[in-house]
Amino acid sequence: MKEFEGTKGPWLVHDTYEEYNDYTPENPQIIVWDGDEQASKYICDMGEMGDFNYAEELANAKLIAAAPELLEALQLLLSHAPSIEDLGGKKTAFSNSFGEAIGKAESALNKALS
């Protein structure tokens, strides 16, 4: 299986609306970063407060920050997923749904690693 070539996790959300360390209260930002205080690397800057819906962008940032763990979990699940033959070889409602879920998981994984 192809390996992720981007910044390794964990990734963290830094919400300057709550923590006015580097920004003024009039110019808060939400960023996703690698958490390395010595050589910090931004993964994603969600933009200035006036440019977006705060709750929606914070939720987006949390999803982005979870991406490394989600990728690892998806790879682990797919590596242990049974085939239709392992499920008895019969097409059933469960095997059809399971097959669809596996297909979506593989598609998402390919999107992330291509």
PDB file of N, CA and C in Angstrom:
ATOM      1  N   MET A   1       0.841  -1.181   0.000  1.00  0.00           N
ATOM      2  CA  MET A   1       0.000   0.000   0.000  1.00  0.00           C
ATOM      3  C   MET A   1       0.884   1.242   0.000  1.00  0.00           C
ATOM      4  N   LYS A   2       0.494   2.246  -0.798  1.00  0.00           N
ATOM      5  CA  LYS A   2       1.260   3.473  -0.894  1.00  0.00           C
ATOM      6  C   LYS A   2       1.270   4.211   0.446  1.00  0.00           C
ATOM      7  N   GLU A   3       2.387   4.857   0.741  1.00  0.00           N
ATOM      8  CA  GLU A   3       2.531   5.572   2.007  1.00  0.00           C
ATOM      9  C   GLU A   3       2.266   7.059   1.814  1.00  0.00           C
ATOM     10  N   PHE A   4       1.700   7.697   2.823  1.00  0.00           N
ATOM     11  CA  PHE A   4       1.438   9.128   2.809  1.00  0.00           C
ATOM     12  C   PHE A   4       2.751   9.886   2.802  1.00  0.00           C
ATOM     13  N   GLU A   5       2.895  10.847   1.883  1.00  0.00           N
ATOM     14  CA  GLU A   5       4.154  11.585   1.736  1.00  0.00           C
ATOM     15  C   GLU A   5       4.105  12.979   2.356  1.00  0.00           C
ATOM     16  N   GLY A   6       2.978  13.364   2.941  1.00  0.00           N
ATOM     17  CA  GLY A   6       2.841  14.694   3.529  1.00  0.00           C
ATOM     18  C   GLY A   6       3.361  14.753   4.957  1.00  0.00           C
ATOM     19  N   THR A   7       3.044  15.840   5.624  1.00  0.00           N
ATOM     20  CA  THR A   7       3.463  16.043   7.005  1.00  0.00           C
ATOM     21  C   THR A   7       2.805  15.004   7.907  1.00  0.00           C
ATOM     22  N   LYS A   8       3.629  14.295   8.644  1.00  0.00           N
ATOM     23  CA  LYS A   8       3.116  13.256   9.545  1.00  0.00           C
ATOM     24  C   LYS A   8       2.341  13.889  10.698  1.00  0.00           C
ATOM     25  N   GLY A   9       1.364  13.163  11.208  1.00  0.00           N
ATOM     26  CA  GLY A   9       0.570  13.634  12.331  1.00  0.00           C
ATOM     27  C   GLY A   9       1.295  13.424  13.635  1.00  0.00           C
ATOM     28  N   PRO A  10       0.723  13.796  14.725  1.00  0.00           N
ATOM     29  CA  PRO A  10      -0.614  14.380  14.816  1.00  0.00           C
ATOM     30  C   PRO A  10      -0.618  15.848  14.396  1.00  0.00           C
ATOM     31  N   TRP A  11      -1.786  16.317  13.948  1.00  0.00           N
ATOM     32  CA  TRP A  11      -2.001  17.713  13.618  1.00  0.00           C
ATOM     33  C   TRP A  11      -2.912  18.312  14.681  1.00  0.00           C
ATOM     34  N   LEU A  12      -2.720  19.574  14.969  1.00  0.00           N
ATOM     35  CA  LEU A  12      -3.470  20.250  16.032  1.00  0.00           C
ATOM     36  C   LEU A  12      -4.206  21.462  15.491  1.00  0.00           C
ATOM     37  N   VAL A  13      -5.317  21.809  16.132  1.00  0.00           N
ATOM     38  CA  VAL A  13      -6.054  23.025  15.794  1.00  0.00           C
ATOM     39  C   VAL A  13      -5.605  24.110  16.767  1.00  0.00           C
ATOM     40  N   HIS A  14      -5.222  25.242  16.219  1.00  0.00           N
ATOM     41  CA  HIS A  14      -4.869  26.413  17.025  1.00  0.00           C
ATOM     42  C   HIS A  14      -5.903  27.478  16.696  1.00  0.00           C
ATOM     43  N   ASP A  15      -6.754  27.761  17.649  1.00  0.00           N
ATOM     44  CA  ASP A  15      -7.858  28.698  17.467  1.00  0.00           C
ATOM     45  C   ASP A  15      -7.476  30.013  18.131  1.00  0.00           C
ATOM     46  N   THR A  16      -7.044  30.991  17.323  1.00  0.00           N
ATOM     47  CA  THR A  16      -6.606  32.250  17.910  1.00  0.00           C
ATOM     48  C   THR A  16      -7.775  33.105  18.382  1.00  0.00           C
ATOM     49  N   TYR A  17      -9.011  32.696  18.059  1.00  0.00           N
ATOM     50  CA  TYR A  17     -10.173  33.395  18.606  1.00  0.00           C
ATOM     51  C   TYR A  17     -10.223  33.175  20.115  1.00  0.00           C
ATOM     52  N   GLU A  18      -9.831  31.980  20.526  1.00  0.00           N
ATOM     53  CA  GLU A  18      -9.796  31.645  21.953  1.00  0.00           C
ATOM     54  C   GLU A  18      -8.450  32.001  22.583  1.00  0.00           C
ATOM     55  N   GLU A  19      -7.389  31.977  21.793  1.00  0.00           N
ATOM     56  CA  GLU A  19      -6.037  32.225  22.296  1.00  0.00           C
ATOM     57  C   GLU A  19      -5.429  33.369  21.484  1.00  0.00           C
ATOM     58  N   TYR A  20      -5.422  34.559  22.013  1.00  0.00           N
ATOM     59  CA  TYR A  20      -4.939  35.715  21.262  1.00  0.00           C
ATOM     60  C   TYR A  20      -3.420  35.852  21.338  1.00  0.00           C
ATOM     61  N   ASN A  21      -2.705  34.776  21.136  1.00  0.00           N
ATOM     62  CA  ASN A  21      -1.246  34.818  21.243  1.00  0.00           C
ATOM     63  C   ASN A  21      -0.606  35.667  20.151  1.00  0.00           C
ATOM     64  N   ASP A  22      -0.890  35.346  18.901  1.00  0.00           N
ATOM     65  CA  ASP A  22      -0.217  36.002  17.792  1.00  0.00           C
ATOM     66  C   ASP A  22      -1.102  36.988  17.053  1.00  0.00           C
ATOM     67  N   TYR A  23      -2.380  36.998  17.370  1.00  0.00           N
ATOM     68  CA  TYR A  23      -3.326  37.816  16.625  1.00  0.00           C
ATOM     69  C   TYR A  23      -4.123  38.675  17.590  1.00  0.00           C
ATOM     70  N   THR A  24      -4.646  39.760  17.092  1.00  0.00           N
ATOM     71  CA  THR A  24      -5.490  40.616  17.918  1.00  0.00           C
ATOM     72  C   THR A  24      -6.903  40.049  17.923  1.00  0.00           C
ATOM     73  N   PRO A  25      -7.721  40.414  18.900  1.00  0.00           N
ATOM     74  CA  PRO A  25      -9.104  39.940  18.910  1.00  0.00           C
ATOM     75  C   PRO A  25      -9.884  40.347  17.657  1.00  0.00           C
ATOM     76  N   GLU A  26      -9.457  41.414  16.991  1.00  0.00           N
ATOM     77  CA  GLU A  26     -10.131  41.857  15.777  1.00  0.00           C
ATOM     78  C   GLU A  26      -9.704  41.045  14.559  1.00  0.00           C
ATOM     79  N   ASN A  27      -8.644  40.271  14.678  1.00  0.00           N
ATOM     80  CA  ASN A  27      -8.106  39.520  13.545  1.00  0.00           C
ATOM     81  C   ASN A  27      -7.794  38.072  13.931  1.00  0.00           C
ATOM     82  N   PRO A  28      -8.766  37.349  14.508  1.00  0.00           N
ATOM     83  CA  PRO A  28      -8.481  35.967  14.903  1.00  0.00           C
ATOM     84  C   PRO A  28      -8.402  35.044  13.689  1.00  0.00           C
ATOM     85  N   GLN A  29      -7.699  33.940  13.852  1.00  0.00           N
ATOM     86  CA  GLN A  29      -7.582  32.949  12.798  1.00  0.00           C
ATOM     87  C   GLN A  29      -7.665  31.556  13.396  1.00  0.00           C
ATOM     88  N   ILE A  30      -8.009  30.591  12.547  1.00  0.00           N
ATOM     89  CA  ILE A  30      -7.976  29.183  12.909  1.00  0.00           C
ATOM     90  C   ILE A  30      -6.948  28.544  11.993  1.00  0.00           C
ATOM     91  N   ILE A  31      -5.959  27.895  12.580  1.00  0.00           N
ATOM     92  CA  ILE A  31      -4.944  27.215  11.786  1.00  0.00           C
ATOM     93  C   ILE A  31      -4.820  25.767  12.248  1.00  0.00           C
ATOM     94  N   VAL A  32      -4.405  24.910  11.334  1.00  0.00           N
ATOM     95  CA  VAL A  32      -4.082  23.529  11.660  1.00  0.00           C
ATOM     96  C   VAL A  32      -2.576  23.426  11.485  1.00  0.00           C
ATOM     97  N   TRP A  33      -1.885  22.913  12.490  1.00  0.00           N
ATOM     98  CA  TRP A  33      -0.425  22.841  12.432  1.00  0.00           C
ATOM     99  C   TRP A  33       0.069  21.536  13.009  1.00  0.00           C
ATOM    100  N   ASP A  34       1.376  21.306  12.848  1.00  0.00           N
ATOM    101  CA  ASP A  34       1.955  20.026  13.262  1.00  0.00           C
ATOM    102  C   ASP A  34       2.318  19.975  14.742  1.00  0.00           C
ATOM    103  N   GLY A  35       2.173  21.065  15.466  1.00  0.00           N
ATOM    104  CA  GLY A  35       2.407  21.070  16.900  1.00  0.00           C
ATOM    105  C   GLY A  35       3.863  21.204  17.320  1.00  0.00           C
ATOM    106  N   ASP A  36       4.777  21.272  16.357  1.00  0.00           N
ATOM    107  CA  ASP A  36       6.202  21.398  16.671  1.00  0.00           C
ATOM    108  C   ASP A  36       6.510  22.867  16.932  1.00  0.00           C
ATOM    109  N   GLU A  37       6.718  23.214  18.207  1.00  0.00           N
ATOM    110  CA  GLU A  37       6.936  24.620  18.551  1.00  0.00           C
ATOM    111  C   GLU A  37       8.291  25.123  18.081  1.00  0.00           C
ATOM    112  N   GLN A  38       9.237  24.238  17.826  1.00  0.00           N
ATOM    113  CA  GLN A  38      10.553  24.654  17.356  1.00  0.00           C
ATOM    114  C   GLN A  38      10.554  24.927  15.854  1.00  0.00           C
ATOM    115  N   ALA A  39       9.946  24.060  15.090  1.00  0.00           N
ATOM    116  CA  ALA A  39       9.933  24.194  13.631  1.00  0.00           C
ATOM    117  C   ALA A  39       8.512  24.044  13.129  1.00  0.00           C
ATOM    118  N   SER A  40       7.631  24.828  13.700  1.00  0.00           N
ATOM    119  CA  SER A  40       6.205  24.706  13.408  1.00  0.00           C
ATOM    120  C   SER A  40       5.912  24.829  11.919  1.00  0.00           C
ATOM    121  N   LYS A  41       4.990  23.989  11.458  1.00  0.00           N
ATOM    122  CA  LYS A  41       4.602  23.970  10.058  1.00  0.00           C
ATOM    123  C   LYS A  41       3.086  24.033   9.978  1.00  0.00           C
ATOM    124  N   TYR A  42       2.577  25.053   9.315  1.00  0.00           N
ATOM    125  CA  TYR A  42       1.127  25.154   9.126  1.00  0.00           C
ATOM    126  C   TYR A  42       0.682  24.133   8.102  1.00  0.00           C
ATOM    127  N   ILE A  43      -0.346  23.418   8.427  1.00  0.00           N
ATOM    128  CA  ILE A  43      -0.975  22.489   7.499  1.00  0.00           C
ATOM    129  C   ILE A  43      -2.033  23.251   6.709  1.00  0.00           C
ATOM    130  N   CYS A  44      -2.780  24.098   7.410  1.00  0.00           N
ATOM    131  CA  CYS A  44      -3.887  24.810   6.784  1.00  0.00           C
ATOM    132  C   CYS A  44      -4.215  26.060   7.595  1.00  0.00           C
ATOM    133  N   ASP A  45      -4.379  27.181   6.926  1.00  0.00           N
ATOM    134  CA  ASP A  45      -4.821  28.423   7.553  1.00  0.00           C
ATOM    135  C   ASP A  45      -6.254  28.641   7.091  1.00  0.00           C
ATOM    136  N   MET A  46      -7.192  28.613   8.017  1.00  0.00           N
ATOM    137  CA  MET A  46      -8.605  28.684   7.662  1.00  0.00           C
ATOM    138  C   MET A  46      -9.060  30.097   7.307  1.00  0.00           C
ATOM    139  N   GLY A  47      -8.209  31.089   7.481  1.00  0.00           N
ATOM    140  CA  GLY A  47      -8.562  32.454   7.096  1.00  0.00           C
ATOM    141  C   GLY A  47      -8.916  33.320   8.291  1.00  0.00           C
ATOM    142  N   GLU A  48      -9.101  34.593   8.005  1.00  0.00           N
ATOM    143  CA  GLU A  48      -9.438  35.542   9.064  1.00  0.00           C
ATOM    144  C   GLU A  48     -10.907  35.427   9.445  1.00  0.00           C
ATOM    145  N   MET A  49     -11.206  35.769  10.676  1.00  0.00           N
ATOM    146  CA  MET A  49     -12.550  35.634  11.235  1.00  0.00           C
ATOM    147  C   MET A  49     -13.624  36.275  10.371  1.00  0.00           C
ATOM    148  N   GLY A  50     -13.359  37.434   9.801  1.00  0.00           N
ATOM    149  CA  GLY A  50     -14.370  38.127   9.013  1.00  0.00           C
ATOM    150  C   GLY A  50     -14.714  37.439   7.706  1.00  0.00           C
ATOM    151  N   ASP A  51     -13.898  36.480   7.295  1.00  0.00           N
ATOM    152  CA  ASP A  51     -14.075  35.828   6.001  1.00  0.00           C
ATOM    153  C   ASP A  51     -14.928  34.570   6.048  1.00  0.00           C
ATOM    154  N   PHE A  52     -15.360  34.116   7.225  1.00  0.00           N
ATOM    155  CA  PHE A  52     -16.023  32.821   7.286  1.00  0.00           C
ATOM    156  C   PHE A  52     -16.976  32.701   8.459  1.00  0.00           C
ATOM    157  N   ASN A  53     -17.750  31.654   8.443  1.00  0.00           N
ATOM    158  CA  ASN A  53     -18.615  31.285   9.559  1.00  0.00           C
ATOM    159  C   ASN A  53     -17.731  30.566  10.576  1.00  0.00           C
ATOM    160  N   TYR A  54     -17.552  31.154  11.738  1.00  0.00           N
ATOM    161  CA  TYR A  54     -16.613  30.631  12.734  1.00  0.00           C
ATOM    162  C   TYR A  54     -16.860  29.165  13.095  1.00  0.00           C
ATOM    163  N   ALA A  55     -18.090  28.817  13.462  1.00  0.00           N
ATOM    164  CA  ALA A  55     -18.381  27.444  13.898  1.00  0.00           C
ATOM    165  C   ALA A  55     -18.116  26.449  12.770  1.00  0.00           C
ATOM    166  N   GLU A  56     -18.492  26.803  11.554  1.00  0.00           N
ATOM    167  CA  GLU A  56     -18.283  25.910  10.418  1.00  0.00           C
ATOM    168  C   GLU A  56     -16.798  25.718  10.131  1.00  0.00           C
ATOM    169  N   GLU A  57     -16.035  26.802  10.159  1.00  0.00           N
ATOM    170  CA  GLU A  57     -14.601  26.697   9.875  1.00  0.00           C
ATOM    171  C   GLU A  57     -13.853  25.977  10.998  1.00  0.00           C
ATOM    172  N   LEU A  58     -14.289  26.138  12.233  1.00  0.00           N
ATOM    173  CA  LEU A  58     -13.668  25.396  13.337  1.00  0.00           C
ATOM    174  C   LEU A  58     -13.933  23.907  13.162  1.00  0.00           C
ATOM    175  N   ALA A  59     -15.161  23.544  12.774  1.00  0.00           N
ATOM    176  CA  ALA A  59     -15.484  22.135  12.513  1.00  0.00           C
ATOM    177  C   ALA A  59     -14.639  21.604  11.349  1.00  0.00           C
ATOM    178  N   ASN A  60     -14.464  22.399  10.296  1.00  0.00           N
ATOM    179  CA  ASN A  60     -13.609  21.991   9.167  1.00  0.00           C
ATOM    180  C   ASN A  60     -12.172  21.774   9.625  1.00  0.00           C
ATOM    181  N   ALA A  61     -11.664  22.688  10.457  1.00  0.00           N
ATOM    182  CA  ALA A  61     -10.297  22.569  10.955  1.00  0.00           C
ATOM    183  C   ALA A  61     -10.116  21.300  11.780  1.00  0.00           C
ATOM    184  N   LYS A  62     -11.106  20.957  12.592  1.00  0.00           N
ATOM    185  CA  LYS A  62     -11.026  19.740  13.412  1.00  0.00           C
ATOM    186  C   LYS A  62     -11.002  18.491  12.536  1.00  0.00           C
ATOM    187  N   LEU A  63     -11.787  18.491  11.450  1.00  0.00           N
ATOM    188  CA  LEU A  63     -11.773  17.362  10.524  1.00  0.00           C
ATOM    189  C   LEU A  63     -10.415  17.255   9.832  1.00  0.00           C
ATOM    190  N   ILE A  64      -9.879  18.380   9.385  1.00  0.00           N
ATOM    191  CA  ILE A  64      -8.561  18.381   8.749  1.00  0.00           C
ATOM    192  C   ILE A  64      -7.505  17.872   9.723  1.00  0.00           C
ATOM    193  N   ALA A  65      -7.556  18.347  10.972  1.00  0.00           N
ATOM    194  CA  ALA A  65      -6.576  17.936  11.977  1.00  0.00           C
ATOM    195  C   ALA A  65      -6.660  16.434  12.278  1.00  0.00           C
ATOM    196  N   ALA A  66      -7.820  15.844  12.110  1.00  0.00           N
ATOM    197  CA  ALA A  66      -8.000  14.409  12.368  1.00  0.00           C
ATOM    198  C   ALA A  66      -7.535  13.550  11.191  1.00  0.00           C
ATOM    199  N   ALA A  67      -7.208  14.161  10.063  1.00  0.00           N
ATOM    200  CA  ALA A  67      -6.886  13.410   8.845  1.00  0.00           C
ATOM    201  C   ALA A  67      -5.792  12.349   9.022  1.00  0.00           C
ATOM    202  N   PRO A  68      -4.672  12.633   9.683  1.00  0.00           N
ATOM    203  CA  PRO A  68      -3.655  11.570   9.817  1.00  0.00           C
ATOM    204  C   PRO A  68      -4.171  10.337  10.551  1.00  0.00           C
ATOM    205  N   GLU A  69      -4.939  10.548  11.630  1.00  0.00           N
ATOM    206  CA  GLU A  69      -5.491   9.418  12.375  1.00  0.00           C
ATOM    207  C   GLU A  69      -6.563   8.689  11.561  1.00  0.00           C
ATOM    208  N   LEU A  70      -7.375   9.448  10.828  1.00  0.00           N
ATOM    209  CA  LEU A  70      -8.391   8.828   9.974  1.00  0.00           C
ATOM    210  C   LEU A  70      -7.745   7.992   8.879  1.00  0.00           C
ATOM    211  N   LEU A  71      -6.680   8.507   8.280  1.00  0.00           N
ATOM    212  CA  LEU A  71      -5.958   7.768   7.245  1.00  0.00           C
ATOM    213  C   LEU A  71      -5.388   6.475   7.811  1.00  0.00           C
ATOM    214  N   GLU A  72      -4.757   6.555   8.952  1.00  0.00           N
ATOM    215  CA  GLU A  72      -4.182   5.359   9.582  1.00  0.00           C
ATOM    216  C   GLU A  72      -5.269   4.334   9.921  1.00  0.00           C
ATOM    217  N   ALA A  73      -6.386   4.803  10.454  1.00  0.00           N
ATOM    218  CA  ALA A  73      -7.485   3.895  10.813  1.00  0.00           C
ATOM    219  C   ALA A  73      -8.067   3.237   9.565  1.00  0.00           C
ATOM    220  N   LEU A  74      -8.229   3.995   8.499  1.00  0.00           N
ATOM    221  CA  LEU A  74      -8.780   3.459   7.257  1.00  0.00           C
ATOM    222  C   LEU A  74      -7.841   2.409   6.663  1.00  0.00           C
ATOM    223  N   GLN A  75      -6.552   2.686   6.676  1.00  0.00           N
ATOM    224  CA  GLN A  75      -5.583   1.700   6.173  1.00  0.00           C
ATOM    225  C   GLN A  75      -5.638   0.419   6.996  1.00  0.00           C
ATOM    226  N   LEU A  76      -5.735   0.544   8.307  1.00  0.00           N
ATOM    227  CA  LEU A  76      -5.800  -0.625   9.175  1.00  0.00           C
ATOM    228  C   LEU A  76      -7.072  -1.427   8.922  1.00  0.00           C
ATOM    229  N   LEU A  77      -8.212  -0.729   8.822  1.00  0.00           N
ATOM    230  CA  LEU A  77      -9.473  -1.412   8.547  1.00  0.00           C
ATOM    231  C   LEU A  77      -9.424  -2.159   7.217  1.00  0.00           C
ATOM    232  N   LEU A  78      -8.927  -1.497   6.178  1.00  0.00           N
ATOM    233  CA  LEU A  78      -8.884  -2.143   4.865  1.00  0.00           C
ATOM    234  C   LEU A  78      -7.916  -3.327   4.846  1.00  0.00           C
ATOM    235  N   SER A  79      -6.856  -3.251   5.631  1.00  0.00           N
ATOM    236  CA  SER A  79      -5.903  -4.367   5.653  1.00  0.00           C
ATOM    237  C   SER A  79      -6.502  -5.606   6.317  1.00  0.00           C
ATOM    238  N   HIS A  80      -7.553  -5.424   7.119  1.00  0.00           N
ATOM    239  CA  HIS A  80      -8.196  -6.546   7.810  1.00  0.00           C
ATOM    240  C   HIS A  80      -9.602  -6.854   7.298  1.00  0.00           C
ATOM    241  N   ALA A  81     -10.038  -6.129   6.275  1.00  0.00           N
ATOM    242  CA  ALA A  81     -11.408  -6.310   5.777  1.00  0.00           C
ATOM    243  C   ALA A  81     -11.540  -7.665   5.075  1.00  0.00           C
ATOM    244  N   PRO A  82     -12.571  -8.399   5.403  1.00  0.00           N
ATOM    245  CA  PRO A  82     -12.782  -9.688   4.733  1.00  0.00           C
ATOM    246  C   PRO A  82     -13.302  -9.489   3.308  1.00  0.00           C
ATOM    247  N   SER A  83     -13.027 -10.435   2.453  1.00  0.00           N
ATOM    248  CA  SER A  83     -13.563 -10.408   1.095  1.00  0.00           C
ATOM    249  C   SER A  83     -14.955 -11.048   1.101  1.00  0.00           C
ATOM    250  N   ILE A  84     -15.646 -10.955  -0.032  1.00  0.00           N
ATOM    251  CA  ILE A  84     -16.960 -11.608  -0.164  1.00  0.00           C
ATOM    252  C   ILE A  84     -16.815 -13.108   0.066  1.00  0.00           C
ATOM    253  N   GLU A  85     -15.719 -13.684  -0.429  1.00  0.00           N
ATOM    254  CA  GLU A  85     -15.483 -15.118  -0.226  1.00  0.00           C
ATOM    255  C   GLU A  85     -15.343 -15.443   1.256  1.00  0.00           C
ATOM    256  N   ASP A  86     -14.663 -14.542   1.992  1.00  0.00           N
ATOM    257  CA  ASP A  86     -14.511 -14.740   3.436  1.00  0.00           C
ATOM    258  C   ASP A  86     -15.860 -14.690   4.154  1.00  0.00           C
ATOM    259  N   LEU A  87     -16.818 -13.988   3.551  1.00  0.00           N
ATOM    260  CA  LEU A  87     -18.147 -13.863   4.148  1.00  0.00           C
ATOM    261  C   LEU A  87     -19.086 -14.967   3.704  1.00  0.00           C
ATOM    262  N   GLY A  88     -18.560 -15.970   3.062  1.00  0.00           N
ATOM    263  CA  GLY A  88     -19.367 -17.106   2.639  1.00  0.00           C
ATOM    264  C   GLY A  88     -19.621 -17.147   1.145  1.00  0.00           C
ATOM    265  N   GLY A  89     -19.150 -16.138   0.421  1.00  0.00           N
ATOM    266  CA  GLY A  89     -19.260 -16.133  -1.031  1.00  0.00           C
ATOM    267  C   GLY A  89     -20.628 -15.834  -1.590  1.00  0.00           C
ATOM    268  N   LYS A  90     -21.601 -15.576  -0.736  1.00  0.00           N
ATOM    269  CA  LYS A  90     -22.961 -15.309  -1.218  1.00  0.00           C
ATOM    270  C   LYS A  90     -23.229 -13.812  -1.203  1.00  0.00           C
ATOM    271  N   LYS A  91     -23.935 -13.346  -2.230  1.00  0.00           N
ATOM    272  CA  LYS A  91     -24.364 -11.952  -2.265  1.00  0.00           C
ATOM    273  C   LYS A  91     -25.573 -11.801  -1.357  1.00  0.00           C
ATOM    274  N   THR A  92     -25.427 -11.000  -0.353  1.00  0.00           N
ATOM    275  CA  THR A  92     -26.519 -10.713   0.576  1.00  0.00           C
ATOM    276  C   THR A  92     -26.615  -9.199   0.726  1.00  0.00           C
ATOM    277  N   ALA A  93     -27.648  -8.736   1.404  1.00  0.00           N
ATOM    278  CA  ALA A  93     -27.778  -7.298   1.664  1.00  0.00           C
ATOM    279  C   ALA A  93     -26.545  -6.801   2.419  1.00  0.00           C
ATOM    280  N   PHE A  94     -26.082  -7.615   3.384  1.00  0.00           N
ATOM    281  CA  PHE A  94     -24.889  -7.223   4.144  1.00  0.00           C
ATOM    282  C   PHE A  94     -23.665  -7.175   3.260  1.00  0.00           C
ATOM    283  N   SER A  95     -23.434  -8.204   2.466  1.00  0.00           N
ATOM    284  CA  SER A  95     -22.224  -8.214   1.644  1.00  0.00           C
ATOM    285  C   SER A  95     -22.266  -7.102   0.602  1.00  0.00           C
ATOM    286  N   ASN A  96     -23.461  -6.777   0.074  1.00  0.00           N
ATOM    287  CA  ASN A  96     -23.571  -5.667  -0.867  1.00  0.00           C
ATOM    288  C   ASN A  96     -23.239  -4.333  -0.190  1.00  0.00           C
ATOM    289  N   SER A  97     -23.792  -4.117   0.996  1.00  0.00           N
ATOM    290  CA  SER A  97     -23.507  -2.886   1.739  1.00  0.00           C
ATOM    291  C   SER A  97     -22.042  -2.821   2.146  1.00  0.00           C
ATOM    292  N   PHE A  98     -21.519  -3.968   2.597  1.00  0.00           N
ATOM    293  CA  PHE A  98     -20.127  -4.031   3.006  1.00  0.00           C
ATOM    294  C   PHE A  98     -19.217  -3.750   1.810  1.00  0.00           C
ATOM    295  N   GLY A  99     -19.551  -4.347   0.677  1.00  0.00           N
ATOM    296  CA  GLY A  99     -18.759  -4.122  -0.535  1.00  0.00           C
ATOM    297  C   GLY A  99     -18.782  -2.664  -0.964  1.00  0.00           C
ATOM    298  N   GLU A 100     -19.937  -2.026  -0.834  1.00  0.00           N
ATOM    299  CA  GLU A 100     -20.043  -0.606  -1.164  1.00  0.00           C
ATOM    300  C   GLU A 100     -19.184   0.236  -0.216  1.00  0.00           C
ATOM    301  N   ALA A 101     -19.227  -0.097   1.070  1.00  0.00           N
ATOM    302  CA  ALA A 101     -18.430   0.629   2.066  1.00  0.00           C
ATOM    303  C   ALA A 101     -16.939   0.457   1.799  1.00  0.00           C
ATOM    304  N   ILE A 102     -16.523  -0.756   1.462  1.00  0.00           N
ATOM    305  CA  ILE A 102     -15.111  -1.010   1.146  1.00  0.00           C
ATOM    306  C   ILE A 102     -14.706  -0.214  -0.087  1.00  0.00           C
ATOM    307  N   GLY A 103     -15.572  -0.184  -1.092  1.00  0.00           N
ATOM    308  CA  GLY A 103     -15.282   0.580  -2.298  1.00  0.00           C
ATOM    309  C   GLY A 103     -15.099   2.064  -2.011  1.00  0.00           C
ATOM    310  N   LYS A 104     -15.964   2.625  -1.167  1.00  0.00           N
ATOM    311  CA  LYS A 104     -15.839   4.032  -0.795  1.00  0.00           C
ATOM    312  C   LYS A 104     -14.568   4.279   0.011  1.00  0.00           C
ATOM    313  N   ALA A 105     -14.237   3.345   0.887  1.00  0.00           N
ATOM    314  CA  ALA A 105     -13.018   3.475   1.686  1.00  0.00           C
ATOM    315  C   ALA A 105     -11.780   3.435   0.792  1.00  0.00           C
ATOM    316  N   GLU A 106     -11.764   2.521  -0.160  1.00  0.00           N
ATOM    317  CA  GLU A 106     -10.629   2.428  -1.083  1.00  0.00           C
ATOM    318  C   GLU A 106     -10.529   3.676  -1.948  1.00  0.00           C
ATOM    319  N   SER A 107     -11.655   4.208  -2.381  1.00  0.00           N
ATOM    320  CA  SER A 107     -11.675   5.427  -3.189  1.00  0.00           C
ATOM    321  C   SER A 107     -11.119   6.612  -2.398  1.00  0.00           C
ATOM    322  N   ALA A 108     -11.547   6.739  -1.144  1.00  0.00           N
ATOM    323  CA  ALA A 108     -11.053   7.835  -0.297  1.00  0.00           C
ATOM    324  C   ALA A 108      -9.557   7.687  -0.046  1.00  0.00           C
ATOM    325  N   LEU A 109      -9.110   6.462   0.174  1.00  0.00           N
ATOM    326  CA  LEU A 109      -7.693   6.215   0.392  1.00  0.00           C
ATOM    327  C   LEU A 109      -6.877   6.552  -0.847  1.00  0.00           C
ATOM    328  N   ASN A 110      -7.371   6.155  -2.001  1.00  0.00           N
ATOM    329  CA  ASN A 110      -6.678   6.483  -3.252  1.00  0.00           C
ATOM    330  C   ASN A 110      -6.625   7.996  -3.461  1.00  0.00           C
ATOM    331  N   LYS A 111      -7.698   8.690  -3.137  1.00  0.00           N
ATOM    332  CA  LYS A 111      -7.731  10.153  -3.258  1.00  0.00           C
ATOM    333  C   LYS A 111      -6.670  10.785  -2.351  1.00  0.00           C
ATOM    334  N   ALA A 112      -6.546  10.278  -1.154  1.00  0.00           N
ATOM    335  CA  ALA A 112      -5.586  10.836  -0.196  1.00  0.00           C
ATOM    336  C   ALA A 112      -4.138  10.552  -0.576  1.00  0.00           C
ATOM    337  N   LEU A 113      -3.899   9.430  -1.225  1.00  0.00           N
ATOM    338  CA  LEU A 113      -2.523   9.010  -1.492  1.00  0.00           C
ATOM    339  C   LEU A 113      -2.078   9.192  -2.934  1.00  0.00           C
ATOM    340  N   SER A 114      -2.955   9.723  -3.786  1.00  0.00           N
ATOM    341  CA  SER A 114      -2.556   9.885  -5.190  1.00  0.00           C
ATOM    342  C   SER A 114      -1.805  11.175  -5.434  1.00  0.00           C
TER     343      SER A 114
END
